[in-house]
Protein backbone atom coordinates (compact mmCIF):
# COMPACT_ATOMS: atom_id res chain seq x y z
CA MET A 1 -77.61 -9.94 -36.43
CA GLN A 2 -74.41 -9.28 -34.42
CA GLN A 3 -74.85 -8.60 -30.99
CA VAL A 4 -72.27 -6.25 -29.25
CA ALA A 5 -70.96 -6.72 -25.56
CA PRO A 6 -71.93 -3.85 -23.38
CA THR A 7 -69.06 -1.73 -22.28
CA SER A 8 -70.24 -1.06 -19.15
CA TRP A 9 -67.78 -2.15 -15.79
CA LYS A 10 -70.66 -3.76 -14.36
CA TYR A 11 -70.77 -6.54 -17.54
CA TRP A 12 -67.21 -7.01 -17.33
CA ALA A 13 -67.06 -7.44 -13.51
CA MET A 14 -70.01 -9.93 -13.52
CA SER A 15 -69.09 -11.89 -16.55
CA ALA A 16 -65.92 -13.49 -14.74
CA PRO A 17 -66.59 -16.96 -13.57
CA LEU A 18 -67.09 -17.73 -9.82
CA GLU A 19 -64.85 -20.73 -10.27
CA ARG A 20 -61.63 -18.25 -11.19
CA TYR A 21 -62.49 -16.51 -8.18
CA ILE A 22 -62.67 -19.57 -5.97
CA GLN A 23 -59.52 -21.02 -7.53
CA ALA A 24 -57.83 -17.51 -7.04
CA LEU A 25 -58.64 -17.69 -3.35
CA SER A 26 -57.42 -21.08 -2.88
CA GLU A 27 -54.12 -20.74 -4.51
CA THR A 28 -53.51 -17.34 -2.42
CA LEU A 29 -54.59 -19.38 1.14
CA LEU A 30 -52.23 -22.06 -0.25
CA MET A 31 -49.43 -19.25 -0.73
CA VAL A 32 -50.04 -17.92 2.73
CA GLY A 33 -50.23 -21.25 4.53
CA VAL A 34 -47.17 -23.08 3.21
CA SER A 35 -45.12 -19.57 3.94
CA SER A 36 -46.63 -19.62 7.46
CA VAL A 37 -45.71 -22.95 8.09
CA ILE A 38 -42.01 -22.19 7.06
CA ALA A 39 -41.83 -18.93 9.18
CA ILE A 40 -43.17 -20.70 12.17
CA VAL A 41 -40.87 -23.58 12.11
CA LEU A 42 -37.83 -21.75 11.19
CA GLY A 43 -38.50 -19.09 13.93
CA LEU A 44 -39.05 -21.80 16.51
CA MET A 45 -35.73 -23.34 15.67
CA LEU A 46 -34.27 -19.98 16.08
CA ALA A 47 -35.92 -19.54 19.52
CA ILE A 48 -34.93 -22.57 20.89
CA LEU A 49 -31.39 -22.18 19.88
CA LEU A 50 -31.33 -18.96 21.10
CA ALA A 51 -32.70 -19.79 24.43
CA SER A 52 -30.53 -22.60 24.90
CA THR A 53 -27.26 -20.58 23.74
CA ALA A 54 -28.16 -17.92 26.01
CA PRO A 55 -25.69 -17.17 29.06
CA GLY A 56 -27.15 -19.69 31.80
CA GLY A 57 -28.94 -21.48 29.45
CA VAL A 58 -28.63 -25.17 28.72
CA TYR A 59 -25.95 -24.98 26.08
CA SER A 60 -24.21 -21.62 27.38
CA ALA A 61 -22.48 -19.96 24.26
CA PRO A 62 -22.66 -16.42 24.56
CA GLY A 63 -20.34 -15.48 21.51
CA PHE A 64 -22.52 -17.68 19.48
CA HIS A 65 -25.70 -16.45 20.99
CA LYS A 66 -24.52 -12.61 20.65
CA THR A 67 -23.96 -13.01 17.17
CA LEU A 68 -26.89 -14.99 16.41
CA SER A 69 -28.87 -12.45 18.04
CA VAL A 70 -27.39 -9.85 16.02
CA LEU A 71 -28.07 -11.59 12.74
CA ILE A 72 -31.70 -12.22 13.80
CA ASN A 73 -32.56 -8.52 14.54
CA ILE A 74 -31.10 -7.16 11.54
CA CYS A 75 -33.15 -9.80 9.44
CA ARG A 76 -35.99 -8.75 11.83
CA ALA A 77 -35.74 -4.82 10.61
CA ILE A 78 -35.52 -5.47 6.73
CA PRO A 79 -39.16 -5.69 6.11
CA PHE A 80 -39.19 -2.12 7.77
CA ILE A 81 -36.59 -0.96 5.32
């Protein structure tokens, strides 16, 4: 006697093991966590650099500040294009 697997979507949705969902969730959280840490570190470094090179800042360099500010504003706009 041969058993035929049901073809309903409920059977296929419930047949996937819970471990695979947990593994996929943990991999997703790891990717988001790593990219968040990288973004925070780079963002803080750029923010400190911009604040310190602003006119009247600790290491005042208006030309460098303006150039870096324009580059950062261009990069900030890229996700919205």
